[in-house]
Amino acid sequence: MNSIQRYEYHLKLTADWLMKSIDRGRGGSCAYFSPLRGWSKPYPETSGYIVPTLIRISDALHEKKYSNAALSIGKWLLDIQSKNGSWFGGLYPSNSPKGSVFNTGQIIK
């Protein structure tokens, strides 16, 4: 296996881990995985900045499933956005009804 093939192999493994997190996140990407508790609830902040990563992976691997996942996350984020345009901090659904400037910025970015 040459260095390009090795890179693509590891990129695909990483992308598939993200896809598993999205599948378990019911719309967004899970915040974490615990061997004892399994997958967490989705985390809007990290879901937001996974979007451009998935688009780049889709381009690099020439596999549309990654860009489709990016689009799906974007739609989910719009569905859970507050009426004032912000997103809540922490896991979704949030126990904190206050918008988070940091998380909103990360999602918009």
N, C-alpha and C. Protein backbone atom coordinates (compact mmCIF):
# COMPACT_ATOMS: atom_id res chain seq x y z
N MET A 1 0.86 -1.17 0.00
CA MET A 1 0.00 0.00 0.00
C MET A 1 0.91 1.24 0.00
N ASN A 2 0.71 2.11 -0.98
CA ASN A 2 1.52 3.34 -1.03
C ASN A 2 0.95 4.39 -0.07
N SER A 3 1.64 5.50 0.05
CA SER A 3 1.25 6.51 1.04
C SER A 3 -0.11 7.14 0.74
N ILE A 4 -0.46 7.31 -0.53
CA ILE A 4 -1.78 7.86 -0.88
C ILE A 4 -2.88 6.87 -0.52
N GLN A 5 -2.67 5.61 -0.82
CA GLN A 5 -3.66 4.59 -0.46
C GLN A 5 -3.82 4.49 1.05
N ARG A 6 -2.71 4.58 1.77
CA ARG A 6 -2.75 4.51 3.23
C ARG A 6 -3.53 5.72 3.78
N TYR A 7 -3.28 6.90 3.21
CA TYR A 7 -4.00 8.11 3.62
C TYR A 7 -5.50 7.94 3.38
N GLU A 8 -5.87 7.50 2.19
CA GLU A 8 -7.29 7.33 1.87
C GLU A 8 -7.94 6.27 2.76
N TYR A 9 -7.21 5.22 3.07
CA TYR A 9 -7.73 4.17 3.94
C TYR A 9 -8.05 4.75 5.33
N HIS A 10 -7.13 5.50 5.89
CA HIS A 10 -7.33 6.07 7.23
C HIS A 10 -8.37 7.19 7.20
N LEU A 11 -8.42 7.95 6.12
CA LEU A 11 -9.44 8.97 5.98
C LEU A 11 -10.83 8.33 5.97
N LYS A 12 -10.97 7.24 5.25
CA LYS A 12 -12.26 6.54 5.19
C LYS A 12 -12.65 5.99 6.56
N LEU A 13 -11.70 5.42 7.29
CA LEU A 13 -12.00 4.93 8.64
C LEU A 13 -12.50 6.06 9.54
N THR A 14 -11.83 7.20 9.46
CA THR A 14 -12.23 8.36 10.25
C THR A 14 -13.61 8.84 9.84
N ALA A 15 -13.84 8.93 8.54
CA ALA A 15 -15.14 9.39 8.03
C ALA A 15 -16.26 8.43 8.46
N ASP A 16 -15.97 7.15 8.42
CA ASP A 16 -16.99 6.18 8.82
C ASP A 16 -17.30 6.27 10.32
N TRP A 17 -16.30 6.64 11.13
CA TRP A 17 -16.55 6.86 12.56
C TRP A 17 -17.49 8.06 12.73
N LEU A 18 -17.24 9.13 11.97
CA LEU A 18 -18.14 10.28 12.02
C LEU A 18 -19.55 9.89 11.58
N MET A 19 -19.65 9.09 10.54
CA MET A 19 -20.97 8.65 10.05
C MET A 19 -21.71 7.84 11.12
N LYS A 20 -20.98 7.00 11.84
CA LYS A 20 -21.59 6.22 12.92
C LYS A 20 -22.11 7.16 14.01
N SER A 21 -21.34 8.19 14.32
CA SER A 21 -21.76 9.18 15.31
C SER A 21 -23.01 9.93 14.85
N ILE A 22 -23.09 10.22 13.57
CA ILE A 22 -24.26 10.92 13.03
C ILE A 22 -25.47 10.00 13.03
N ASP A 23 -25.29 8.75 12.64
CA ASP A 23 -26.39 7.79 12.64
C ASP A 23 -26.98 7.63 14.04
N ARG A 24 -26.11 7.59 15.05
CA ARG A 24 -26.56 7.43 16.43
C ARG A 24 -27.08 8.74 17.02
N GLY A 25 -26.69 9.87 16.41
CA GLY A 25 -27.05 11.18 16.93
C GLY A 25 -28.44 11.66 16.58
N ARG A 26 -29.16 10.90 15.82
CA ARG A 26 -30.55 11.26 15.47
C ARG A 26 -30.65 12.67 14.89
N GLY A 27 -29.77 12.97 13.98
CA GLY A 27 -29.80 14.27 13.30
C GLY A 27 -28.47 14.96 13.31
N GLY A 28 -27.87 15.08 14.48
CA GLY A 28 -26.55 15.68 14.61
C GLY A 28 -25.54 14.62 14.99
N SER A 29 -24.32 15.04 15.17
CA SER A 29 -23.26 14.13 15.57
C SER A 29 -23.23 14.03 17.09
N CYS A 30 -23.05 12.83 17.61
CA CYS A 30 -22.99 12.64 19.06
C CYS A 30 -21.78 13.36 19.64
N ALA A 31 -21.89 13.78 20.87
CA ALA A 31 -20.79 14.47 21.54
C ALA A 31 -19.65 13.52 21.86
N TYR A 32 -19.98 12.29 22.20
CA TYR A 32 -18.94 11.34 22.58
C TYR A 32 -19.49 9.91 22.57
N PHE A 33 -18.57 8.98 22.68
CA PHE A 33 -18.90 7.56 22.84
C PHE A 33 -18.22 7.07 24.11
N SER A 34 -18.96 6.38 24.94
CA SER A 34 -18.42 5.78 26.15
C SER A 34 -18.57 4.27 26.06
N PRO A 35 -17.51 3.51 26.32
CA PRO A 35 -17.64 2.05 26.29
C PRO A 35 -18.68 1.54 27.29
N LEU A 36 -18.92 2.29 28.35
CA LEU A 36 -19.90 1.86 29.37
C LEU A 36 -21.31 2.34 29.09
N ARG A 37 -21.44 3.54 28.53
CA ARG A 37 -22.77 4.13 28.33
C ARG A 37 -23.20 4.24 26.87
N GLY A 38 -22.29 3.99 25.96
CA GLY A 38 -22.62 4.07 24.54
C GLY A 38 -22.54 5.50 24.02
N TRP A 39 -23.32 5.79 23.00
CA TRP A 39 -23.31 7.09 22.34
C TRP A 39 -24.11 8.10 23.15
N SER A 40 -23.61 9.32 23.19
CA SER A 40 -24.31 10.40 23.87
C SER A 40 -25.40 10.97 22.96
N LYS A 41 -26.09 11.97 23.49
CA LYS A 41 -27.03 12.73 22.66
C LYS A 41 -26.21 13.58 21.68
N PRO A 42 -26.84 14.10 20.64
CA PRO A 42 -26.10 14.94 19.67
C PRO A 42 -25.66 16.26 20.29
N TYR A 43 -24.61 16.80 19.71
CA TYR A 43 -24.00 18.03 20.18
C TYR A 43 -23.99 19.02 19.01
N PRO A 44 -24.89 20.00 19.02
CA PRO A 44 -24.99 20.91 17.89
C PRO A 44 -23.68 21.61 17.52
N GLU A 45 -22.92 22.06 18.51
CA GLU A 45 -21.69 22.79 18.22
C GLU A 45 -20.74 21.99 17.33
N THR A 46 -20.41 20.78 17.75
CA THR A 46 -19.48 19.98 16.95
C THR A 46 -20.12 19.49 15.67
N SER A 47 -21.43 19.29 15.69
CA SER A 47 -22.12 18.91 14.45
C SER A 47 -21.92 19.99 13.41
N GLY A 48 -21.98 21.26 13.84
CA GLY A 48 -21.81 22.37 12.92
C GLY A 48 -20.45 22.38 12.24
N TYR A 49 -19.40 22.11 12.99
CA TYR A 49 -18.11 22.17 12.31
C TYR A 49 -17.66 20.86 11.72
N ILE A 50 -18.48 19.83 11.84
CA ILE A 50 -18.24 18.59 11.10
C ILE A 50 -18.72 18.74 9.65
N VAL A 51 -19.66 19.64 9.41
CA VAL A 51 -20.23 19.83 8.07
C VAL A 51 -19.15 20.10 7.01
N PRO A 52 -18.29 21.12 7.17
CA PRO A 52 -17.28 21.33 6.13
C PRO A 52 -16.28 20.18 6.03
N THR A 53 -16.03 19.51 7.14
CA THR A 53 -15.13 18.35 7.12
C THR A 53 -15.71 17.25 6.24
N LEU A 54 -17.00 16.98 6.40
CA LEU A 54 -17.65 15.95 5.59
C LEU A 54 -17.66 16.31 4.11
N ILE A 55 -17.83 17.57 3.81
CA ILE A 55 -17.81 18.01 2.41
C ILE A 55 -16.43 17.77 1.80
N ARG A 56 -15.39 18.11 2.56
CA ARG A 56 -14.02 17.88 2.07
C ARG A 56 -13.73 16.40 1.91
N ILE A 57 -14.20 15.60 2.86
CA ILE A 57 -14.01 14.14 2.76
C ILE A 57 -14.73 13.60 1.54
N SER A 58 -15.93 14.08 1.29
CA SER A 58 -16.70 13.65 0.12
C SER A 58 -15.93 13.94 -1.16
N ASP A 59 -15.34 15.13 -1.23
CA ASP A 59 -14.54 15.50 -2.41
C ASP A 59 -13.29 14.62 -2.53
N ALA A 60 -12.62 14.37 -1.41
CA ALA A 60 -11.37 13.60 -1.44
C ALA A 60 -11.60 12.14 -1.80
N LEU A 61 -12.67 11.56 -1.27
CA LEU A 61 -12.94 10.14 -1.50
C LEU A 61 -13.92 9.89 -2.64
N HIS A 62 -14.47 10.96 -3.19
CA HIS A 62 -15.44 10.85 -4.29
C HIS A 62 -16.63 9.97 -3.89
N GLU A 63 -17.12 10.20 -2.67
CA GLU A 63 -18.27 9.45 -2.16
C GLU A 63 -19.32 10.44 -1.67
N LYS A 64 -20.44 10.42 -2.32
CA LYS A 64 -21.52 11.39 -2.07
C LYS A 64 -22.17 11.21 -0.69
N LYS A 65 -22.04 10.03 -0.08
CA LYS A 65 -22.70 9.81 1.21
C LYS A 65 -22.22 10.79 2.27
N TYR A 66 -20.98 11.25 2.16
CA TYR A 66 -20.46 12.19 3.15
C TYR A 66 -21.04 13.59 2.95
N SER A 67 -21.18 14.03 1.72
CA SER A 67 -21.80 15.34 1.49
C SER A 67 -23.30 15.28 1.80
N ASN A 68 -23.92 14.14 1.56
CA ASN A 68 -25.33 13.96 1.94
C ASN A 68 -25.50 14.06 3.46
N ALA A 69 -24.55 13.48 4.20
CA ALA A 69 -24.60 13.56 5.67
C ALA A 69 -24.42 15.02 6.11
N ALA A 70 -23.53 15.76 5.44
CA ALA A 70 -23.33 17.17 5.76
C ALA A 70 -24.62 17.96 5.56
N LEU A 71 -25.30 17.71 4.46
CA LEU A 71 -26.57 18.38 4.18
C LEU A 71 -27.62 18.02 5.23
N SER A 72 -27.66 16.77 5.62
CA SER A 72 -28.61 16.31 6.63
C SER A 72 -28.36 17.00 7.97
N ILE A 73 -27.10 17.13 8.36
CA ILE A 73 -26.77 17.83 9.61
C ILE A 73 -27.19 19.30 9.51
N GLY A 74 -26.93 19.93 8.38
CA GLY A 74 -27.33 21.32 8.20
C GLY A 74 -28.83 21.51 8.36
N LYS A 75 -29.60 20.61 7.79
CA LYS A 75 -31.06 20.68 7.93
C LYS A 75 -31.48 20.49 9.38
N TRP A 76 -30.84 19.55 10.07
CA TRP A 76 -31.14 19.30 11.48
C TRP A 76 -30.83 20.55 12.31
N LEU A 77 -29.68 21.17 12.05
CA LEU A 77 -29.33 22.38 12.79
C LEU A 77 -30.35 23.49 12.58
N LEU A 78 -30.83 23.64 11.36
CA LEU A 78 -31.86 24.64 11.11
C LEU A 78 -33.16 24.31 11.85
N ASP A 79 -33.47 23.03 11.95
CA ASP A 79 -34.68 22.61 12.66
C ASP A 79 -34.63 22.90 14.15
N ILE A 80 -33.43 22.86 14.74
CA ILE A 80 -33.33 23.04 16.19
C ILE A 80 -32.89 24.47 16.57
N GLN A 81 -32.71 25.32 15.58
CA GLN A 81 -32.30 26.70 15.84
C GLN A 81 -33.40 27.45 16.59
N SER A 82 -33.01 28.28 17.55
CA SER A 82 -33.97 29.08 18.33
C SER A 82 -34.62 30.13 17.44
N LYS A 83 -35.75 30.62 17.87
CA LYS A 83 -36.44 31.66 17.10
C LYS A 83 -35.61 32.94 16.97
N ASN A 84 -34.72 33.18 17.95
CA ASN A 84 -33.89 34.40 17.89
C ASN A 84 -32.62 34.18 17.06
N GLY A 85 -32.45 32.99 16.48
CA GLY A 85 -31.31 32.71 15.61
C GLY A 85 -30.15 32.01 16.28
N SER A 86 -30.21 31.85 17.58
CA SER A 86 -29.10 31.21 18.29
C SER A 86 -29.34 29.70 18.44
N TRP A 87 -28.30 29.04 18.92
CA TRP A 87 -28.41 27.64 19.31
C TRP A 87 -28.05 27.54 20.79
N PHE A 88 -28.65 26.59 21.48
CA PHE A 88 -28.36 26.37 22.89
C PHE A 88 -27.01 25.67 23.03
N GLY A 89 -26.42 25.81 24.20
CA GLY A 89 -25.17 25.12 24.50
C GLY A 89 -25.43 23.71 24.97
N GLY A 90 -24.42 22.88 24.88
CA GLY A 90 -24.50 21.52 25.40
C GLY A 90 -25.20 20.55 24.48
N LEU A 91 -25.56 19.43 25.06
CA LEU A 91 -26.20 18.36 24.30
C LEU A 91 -27.61 18.76 23.90
N TYR A 92 -28.12 18.12 22.85
CA TYR A 92 -29.49 18.39 22.39
C TYR A 92 -30.35 17.17 22.67
N PRO A 93 -31.52 17.32 23.24
CA PRO A 93 -32.11 18.58 23.66
C PRO A 93 -31.40 19.13 24.90
N SER A 94 -31.40 20.44 24.99
CA SER A 94 -30.65 21.13 26.04
C SER A 94 -31.48 21.33 27.29
N ASN A 95 -30.80 21.26 28.42
CA ASN A 95 -31.46 21.60 29.69
C ASN A 95 -31.38 23.10 29.95
N SER A 96 -30.59 23.81 29.14
CA SER A 96 -30.41 25.25 29.28
C SER A 96 -31.10 25.97 28.14
N PRO A 97 -32.17 26.71 28.43
CA PRO A 97 -32.90 27.38 27.35
C PRO A 97 -32.22 28.65 26.83
N LYS A 98 -31.01 28.94 27.29
CA LYS A 98 -30.32 30.16 26.85
C LYS A 98 -29.47 29.87 25.62
N GLY A 99 -29.47 30.80 24.69
CA GLY A 99 -28.62 30.69 23.52
C GLY A 99 -27.15 30.83 23.92
N SER A 100 -26.29 30.17 23.20
CA SER A 100 -24.86 30.23 23.47
C SER A 100 -24.17 30.96 22.31
N VAL A 101 -23.52 32.07 22.62
CA VAL A 101 -22.81 32.83 21.59
C VAL A 101 -21.72 31.97 20.97
N PHE A 102 -20.95 31.28 21.81
CA PHE A 102 -19.85 30.45 21.30
C PHE A 102 -20.37 29.35 20.39
N ASN A 103 -21.36 28.60 20.84
CA ASN A 103 -21.88 27.50 20.01
C ASN A 103 -22.52 28.02 18.73
N THR A 104 -23.24 29.12 18.83
CA THR A 104 -23.85 29.70 17.62
C THR A 104 -22.77 30.08 16.63
N GLY A 105 -21.70 30.71 17.10
CA GLY A 105 -20.59 31.06 16.22
C GLY A 105 -19.95 29.86 15.57
N GLN A 106 -19.75 28.78 16.32
CA GLN A 106 -19.14 27.58 15.77
C GLN A 106 -20.04 26.94 14.72
N ILE A 107 -21.32 26.94 14.95
CA ILE A 107 -22.26 26.35 13.99
C ILE A 107 -22.31 27.19 12.71
N ILE A 108 -22.37 28.49 12.86
CA ILE A 108 -22.41 29.36 11.67
C ILE A 108 -21.13 29.25 10.87
N LYS A 109 -20.01 29.17 11.57
CA LYS A 109 -18.71 29.06 10.90
C LYS A 109 -18.68 27.84 10.00
